[in-house]
Amino acid sequence: MKKISKILMFVGLSVLLVSACTEDPIVREPSPNENSYGVYFLPSNPVDITVQSDATSVTYTVGRLNTSGSISVPLTSESDAVFTVEPTVSFSDGEQFATFQVTFNPLPSDPSTVKIKIAEEYAALYGPGYNEFVGKVKAINWVSLGVGQFFDSFLYLGVVDVEVLKAEGFNNYRIIDPYPVSLVSQDSWYGGPRAEEIEFWVTSGGTVAWDAFWYIGLNYSATPGQPIKAYLPSALAASQAPNDANSKFLTDKIVYFNPYYYIDGLGGYGLQDVYLSLPGGPDLYEYLEL
């Protein structure tokens, strides 16, 4: 009996060994969509963009998994007719990210759709991003609030009637022609660059800010090339940053600006008082007792 059991055990073991030796190895079949480039849209591309009404383009970013070699990647667009999409986006050798532009002129205030695909033979279908991008772009719609008043205490040439615009849906404002030639030309230093408009906005902290500086139309001592600038304090020097908080709405109709007047490379006149009375606000001659 023991002899028969040993024979059966030997036969069973032999079958297992033969099966193990003859089993086909598992081979991974490549996906028909895989390629050596791995190009994708970054997830950080904004899907909803609002641009200034005079903007003419937006920029998007793509990446790639394989950074070897220089390549130009075809793009196809199913975007709204207002957009022109660059036909390719190019990577230099070793470059991981590249940008391309979508242009328009003009852009309506209603959202328009951008829809772009990376050519499948270049796309990373299973990578960290996406091979198709869909987003919306719209322009700021500036609405006139009417006529207000503007007064610059540095010039002290009088109160100016100005049109005030507000961006629909945003706390951005524009003051139109705050330094008219008829006014600033009365000053003997007249002749420098002049702001045709000042755009400002309400910050998340409730203060008022603007983009670095504006020009007031005067050159220091009437010397060409030495314009006087009205700086947002923090844009002039980090030590001045606390003074940004001075600029704010004093009432719902009175805006106070406290720019630092400066001539680059020479020096300045320090912080100055500038006021805007929004349409429907008090008369600045009376409010400031001028």
Protein backbone atom coordinates (compact mmCIF):
# COMPACT_ATOMS: atom_id res chain seq x y z
CA MET A 1 0.00 0.00 0.00
CA LYS A 2 2.83 2.38 0.88
CA LYS A 3 4.42 1.59 -2.47
CA ILE A 4 1.22 2.53 -4.38
CA SER A 5 0.92 5.83 -2.43
CA LYS A 6 4.49 6.74 -3.31
CA ILE A 7 3.87 6.03 -6.99
CA LEU A 8 0.72 8.24 -7.00
CA MET A 9 2.56 11.04 -5.18
CA PHE A 10 5.38 10.91 -7.75
CA VAL A 11 2.92 11.07 -10.66
CA GLY A 12 1.08 14.06 -9.12
CA LEU A 13 4.34 15.93 -8.49
CA SER A 14 5.46 15.32 -12.07
CA VAL A 15 2.21 16.76 -13.43
CA LEU A 16 2.67 19.91 -11.32
CA LEU A 17 6.25 20.36 -12.50
CA VAL A 18 5.30 19.95 -16.14
CA SER A 19 2.41 22.41 -15.76
CA ALA A 20 4.73 24.97 -14.13
CA CYS A 21 7.33 24.65 -16.85
CA THR A 22 4.90 24.90 -19.72
CA GLU A 23 2.69 27.84 -18.42
CA ASP A 24 2.94 30.90 -20.70
CA PRO A 25 4.41 34.03 -19.04
CA ILE A 26 2.03 36.99 -18.53
CA VAL A 27 2.79 39.74 -21.05
CA ARG A 28 1.39 43.29 -20.61
CA GLU A 29 -0.15 44.48 -23.84
CA PRO A 30 0.60 48.18 -24.44
CA SER A 31 -2.36 50.52 -24.60
CA PRO A 32 -2.99 51.66 -28.17
CA ASN A 33 -3.23 55.23 -26.79
CA GLU A 34 0.16 55.32 -25.08
CA ASN A 35 2.95 57.47 -26.50
CA SER A 36 6.38 58.65 -25.45
CA TYR A 37 5.46 62.34 -24.98
CA GLY A 38 2.80 62.48 -22.27
CA VAL A 39 1.55 66.03 -22.90
CA TYR A 40 -1.28 67.31 -20.68
CA PHE A 41 -3.11 70.46 -19.57
CA LEU A 42 -2.15 71.50 -16.06
CA PRO A 43 -5.05 71.23 -13.57
CA SER A 44 -4.10 74.74 -12.39
CA ASN A 45 -5.32 76.35 -15.63
CA PRO A 46 -8.24 78.61 -14.58
CA VAL A 47 -11.59 77.50 -15.95
CA ASP A 48 -13.29 80.88 -15.40
CA ILE A 49 -11.39 84.03 -16.35
CA THR A 50 -12.52 87.64 -16.30
CA VAL A 51 -10.24 90.01 -18.22
CA GLN A 52 -10.06 93.75 -18.66
CA SER A 53 -12.26 95.06 -21.44
CA ASP A 54 -9.18 96.06 -23.47
CA ALA A 55 -7.42 92.67 -23.08
CA THR A 56 -6.63 90.74 -26.27
CA SER A 57 -5.38 87.35 -25.04
CA VAL A 58 -5.25 84.76 -22.28
CA THR A 59 -2.47 82.24 -21.66
CA TYR A 60 -2.73 78.54 -20.82
CA THR A 61 -0.06 76.06 -19.71
CA VAL A 62 0.66 72.48 -20.73
CA GLY A 63 3.19 70.03 -19.31
CA ARG A 64 4.79 66.80 -20.46
CA LEU A 65 5.97 63.66 -18.72
CA ASN A 66 8.96 63.06 -21.00
CA THR A 67 11.17 66.16 -21.22
CA SER A 68 13.65 64.76 -23.75
CA GLY A 69 13.85 66.46 -27.12
CA SER A 70 12.19 69.45 -28.72
CA ILE A 71 8.64 68.91 -29.93
CA SER A 72 5.75 70.91 -31.39
CA VAL A 73 2.39 69.57 -30.27
CA PRO A 74 -0.68 70.09 -32.48
CA LEU A 75 -3.75 71.61 -30.84
CA THR A 76 -7.31 71.43 -32.10
CA SER A 77 -9.97 73.93 -31.09
CA GLU A 78 -13.72 73.72 -30.76
CA SER A 79 -13.86 77.14 -29.09
CA ASP A 80 -16.38 79.89 -29.76
CA ALA A 81 -15.73 81.87 -32.93
CA VAL A 82 -14.45 84.91 -31.04
CA PHE A 83 -11.25 83.00 -30.12
CA THR A 84 -8.15 82.26 -32.18
CA VAL A 85 -6.09 79.37 -30.79
CA GLU A 86 -2.45 78.83 -31.69
CA PRO A 87 -2.22 75.65 -33.81
CA THR A 88 0.74 74.24 -31.87
CA VAL A 89 2.51 74.54 -28.57
CA SER A 90 6.28 73.95 -28.49
CA PHE A 91 8.65 72.49 -25.91
CA SER A 92 12.41 73.01 -25.98
CA ASP A 93 14.68 70.12 -25.05
CA GLY A 94 14.47 69.53 -21.29
CA GLU A 95 11.49 71.85 -20.88
CA GLN A 96 8.69 70.43 -18.74
CA PHE A 97 6.11 73.20 -19.17
CA ALA A 98 5.13 75.42 -22.10
CA THR A 99 2.50 78.09 -22.68
CA PHE A 100 0.35 79.14 -25.59
CA GLN A 101 -2.05 82.01 -26.19
CA VAL A 102 -5.69 82.26 -27.08
CA THR A 103 -6.40 85.64 -28.66
CA PHE A 104 -9.57 87.68 -29.17
CA ASN A 105 -10.58 91.22 -30.06
CA PRO A 106 -13.01 92.28 -28.82
CA LEU A 107 -14.38 89.94 -26.17
CA PRO A 108 -18.04 90.19 -25.05
CA SER A 109 -18.97 90.57 -21.41
CA ASP A 110 -21.01 87.35 -21.58
CA PRO A 111 -18.87 84.23 -20.95
CA SER A 112 -17.44 82.61 -24.10
CA THR A 113 -16.22 79.01 -24.25
CA VAL A 114 -12.65 77.89 -24.86
CA LYS A 115 -12.35 74.20 -25.77
CA ILE A 116 -8.95 72.81 -26.81
CA LYS A 117 -7.61 69.28 -27.31
CA ILE A 118 -4.06 67.96 -27.44
CA ALA A 119 -3.45 65.70 -30.43
CA GLU A 120 -3.99 62.13 -29.23
CA GLU A 121 -0.63 60.89 -30.49
CA TYR A 122 1.03 63.34 -28.05
CA ALA A 123 -1.42 63.33 -25.16
CA ALA A 124 -0.99 61.84 -21.70
CA LEU A 125 -4.40 60.21 -21.44
CA TYR A 126 -3.69 58.84 -17.97
CA GLY A 127 -1.23 61.44 -16.70
CA PRO A 128 -1.44 64.07 -13.94
CA GLY A 129 -3.64 66.43 -15.98
CA TYR A 130 -6.00 66.37 -18.91
CA ASN A 131 -5.72 66.06 -22.68
CA GLU A 132 -8.74 68.36 -23.15
CA PHE A 133 -9.39 71.76 -21.63
CA VAL A 134 -12.73 73.55 -21.40
CA GLY A 135 -13.05 76.99 -19.82
CA LYS A 136 -14.93 80.27 -19.90
CA VAL A 137 -13.58 83.77 -20.57
CA LYS A 138 -15.44 87.05 -20.27
CA ALA A 139 -14.56 90.74 -20.28
CA ILE A 140 -15.24 93.22 -17.51
CA ASN A 141 -18.22 95.37 -18.35
CA TRP A 142 -17.54 98.95 -17.27
CA VAL A 143 -20.69 100.84 -16.35
CA SER A 144 -20.77 104.62 -15.96
CA LEU A 145 -21.94 105.79 -12.54
CA GLY A 146 -22.13 109.37 -13.74
CA VAL A 147 -20.05 112.47 -12.96
CA GLY A 148 -18.18 112.89 -9.70
CA GLN A 149 -15.42 115.18 -8.44
CA PHE A 150 -11.65 114.75 -8.06
CA PHE A 151 -9.23 116.88 -6.05
CA ASP A 152 -5.42 116.55 -5.79
CA SER A 153 -4.06 118.61 -2.89
CA PHE A 154 -0.50 118.53 -4.29
CA LEU A 155 -1.48 120.38 -7.44
CA TYR A 156 -4.11 122.42 -5.62
CA LEU A 157 -5.44 123.71 -8.93
CA GLY A 158 -9.11 123.09 -8.17
CA VAL A 159 -11.79 120.42 -8.16
CA VAL A 160 -12.21 118.49 -11.41
CA ASP A 161 -15.46 117.02 -12.70
CA VAL A 162 -14.75 113.40 -13.69
CA GLU A 163 -16.72 110.49 -15.07
CA VAL A 164 -16.57 107.46 -12.77
CA LEU A 165 -16.96 103.90 -14.07
CA LYS A 166 -17.54 100.71 -12.07
CA ALA A 167 -16.83 97.15 -13.20
CA GLU A 168 -20.06 95.19 -13.22
CA GLY A 169 -19.88 92.55 -10.49
CA PHE A 170 -16.55 93.83 -9.07
CA ASN A 171 -15.34 96.53 -6.69
CA ASN A 172 -13.14 98.09 -9.38
CA TYR A 173 -13.51 101.71 -10.40
CA ARG A 174 -12.06 104.02 -13.04
CA ILE A 175 -11.68 107.79 -12.78
CA ILE A 176 -11.70 109.28 -16.28
CA ASP A 177 -9.36 112.20 -17.09
CA PRO A 178 -8.55 113.31 -13.53
CA TYR A 179 -5.73 115.60 -14.76
CA PRO A 180 -7.17 117.44 -17.77
CA VAL A 181 -4.71 119.44 -19.86
CA SER A 182 -6.78 122.58 -19.29
CA LEU A 183 -6.02 122.27 -15.58
CA VAL A 184 -2.47 120.92 -15.25
CA SER A 185 -1.15 123.17 -18.03
CA GLN A 186 -1.65 126.07 -15.61
CA ASP A 187 1.30 124.76 -13.57
CA SER A 188 4.80 125.90 -14.58
CA TRP A 189 6.05 122.29 -14.24
CA TYR A 190 3.50 120.99 -16.75
CA GLY A 191 4.78 118.65 -19.45
CA GLY A 192 5.21 115.23 -17.87
CA PRO A 193 3.19 112.08 -18.55
CA ARG A 194 -0.45 112.39 -17.53
CA ALA A 195 -2.85 109.67 -16.38
CA GLU A 196 -5.86 109.62 -18.68
CA GLU A 197 -7.60 107.40 -16.14
CA ILE A 198 -6.94 105.98 -12.69
CA GLU A 199 -8.20 102.49 -11.92
CA PHE A 200 -8.54 101.53 -8.28
CA TRP A 201 -10.21 98.74 -6.36
CA VAL A 202 -11.31 97.75 -2.89
CA THR A 203 -9.00 95.14 -1.38
CA SER A 204 -10.04 92.15 0.71
CA GLY A 205 -8.93 94.15 3.75
CA GLY A 206 -11.34 96.97 2.90
CA THR A 207 -8.67 99.46 1.83
CA VAL A 208 -8.27 101.05 -1.60
CA ALA A 209 -5.34 100.20 -3.92
CA TRP A 210 -4.12 100.92 -7.44
CA ASP A 211 -1.49 99.57 -9.81
CA ALA A 212 1.90 100.88 -8.54
CA PHE A 213 1.57 104.58 -9.47
CA TRP A 214 -0.15 107.15 -11.64
CA TYR A 215 1.25 110.21 -13.39
CA ILE A 216 0.03 113.72 -12.53
CA GLY A 217 1.21 115.55 -15.66
CA LEU A 218 4.17 117.39 -14.10
CA ASN A 219 7.93 117.06 -14.41
CA TYR A 220 10.11 118.00 -11.45
CA SER A 221 11.29 121.59 -12.02
CA ALA A 222 9.89 121.21 -15.57
CA THR A 223 12.83 118.91 -16.39
CA PRO A 224 11.94 116.39 -19.13
CA GLY A 225 12.41 112.78 -18.06
CA GLN A 226 11.75 113.50 -14.38
CA PRO A 227 8.01 112.90 -14.00
CA ILE A 228 6.31 113.10 -10.64
CA LYS A 229 4.54 109.83 -9.79
CA ALA A 230 1.77 109.16 -7.29
CA TYR A 231 2.90 105.83 -5.81
CA LEU A 232 0.95 103.26 -3.88
CA PRO A 233 3.24 103.40 -0.82
CA SER A 234 4.08 99.69 -0.80
CA ALA A 235 5.01 99.85 -4.51
CA LEU A 236 7.62 102.48 -3.69
CA ALA A 237 9.25 100.81 -0.68
CA ALA A 238 8.48 97.99 1.74
CA SER A 239 8.95 100.41 4.62
CA GLN A 240 6.02 102.42 3.27
CA ALA A 241 3.64 99.44 3.09
CA PRO A 242 1.78 100.28 6.35
CA ASN A 243 0.65 103.53 4.72
CA ASP A 244 -1.39 101.59 2.14
CA ALA A 245 -4.07 101.31 4.82
CA ASN A 246 -4.60 105.08 4.74
CA SER A 247 -6.37 104.88 1.37
CA LYS A 248 -10.01 103.89 1.81
CA PHE A 249 -13.66 104.85 1.53
CA LEU A 250 -14.31 107.52 4.15
CA THR A 251 -18.04 107.31 3.46
CA ASP A 252 -20.05 105.41 0.88
CA LYS A 253 -19.49 108.35 -1.50
CA ILE A 254 -16.05 109.72 -0.54
CA VAL A 255 -12.82 107.91 -1.44
CA TYR A 256 -9.54 109.04 0.12
CA PHE A 257 -6.21 108.27 -1.54
CA ASN A 258 -2.88 108.77 0.22
CA PRO A 259 -0.20 108.27 -2.47
CA TYR A 260 3.48 109.01 -1.99
CA TYR A 261 4.65 111.59 -4.54
CA TYR A 262 8.09 110.68 -5.81
CA ILE A 263 10.56 111.34 -8.62
CA ASP A 264 12.53 108.20 -9.43
CA GLY A 265 16.23 108.61 -8.68
CA LEU A 266 15.77 111.97 -6.96
CA GLY A 267 13.40 111.86 -4.03
CA GLY A 268 9.88 112.84 -3.19
CA TYR A 269 7.33 114.98 -1.46
CA GLY A 270 5.90 112.38 0.89
CA LEU A 271 2.30 111.33 1.33
CA GLN A 272 -0.32 113.56 -0.26
CA ASP A 273 -4.10 113.89 0.05
CA VAL A 274 -6.28 113.06 -2.95
CA TYR A 275 -10.08 112.84 -2.85
CA LEU A 276 -12.84 111.45 -5.05
CA SER A 277 -16.50 112.19 -4.54
CA LEU A 278 -18.53 109.55 -6.34
CA PRO A 279 -21.55 110.59 -8.41
CA GLY A 280 -24.28 111.69 -6.02
CA GLY A 281 -21.72 112.47 -3.32
CA PRO A 282 -21.03 115.77 -1.56
CA ASP A 283 -19.46 118.75 -3.30
CA LEU A 284 -15.72 118.62 -2.54
CA TYR A 285 -15.47 122.40 -2.27
CA GLU A 286 -17.85 122.20 0.68
CA TYR A 287 -16.68 118.85 2.07
CA LEU A 288 -13.02 119.95 2.15
CA GLU A 289 -13.82 123.60 2.89
CA LEU A 290 -11.70 124.74 -0.04
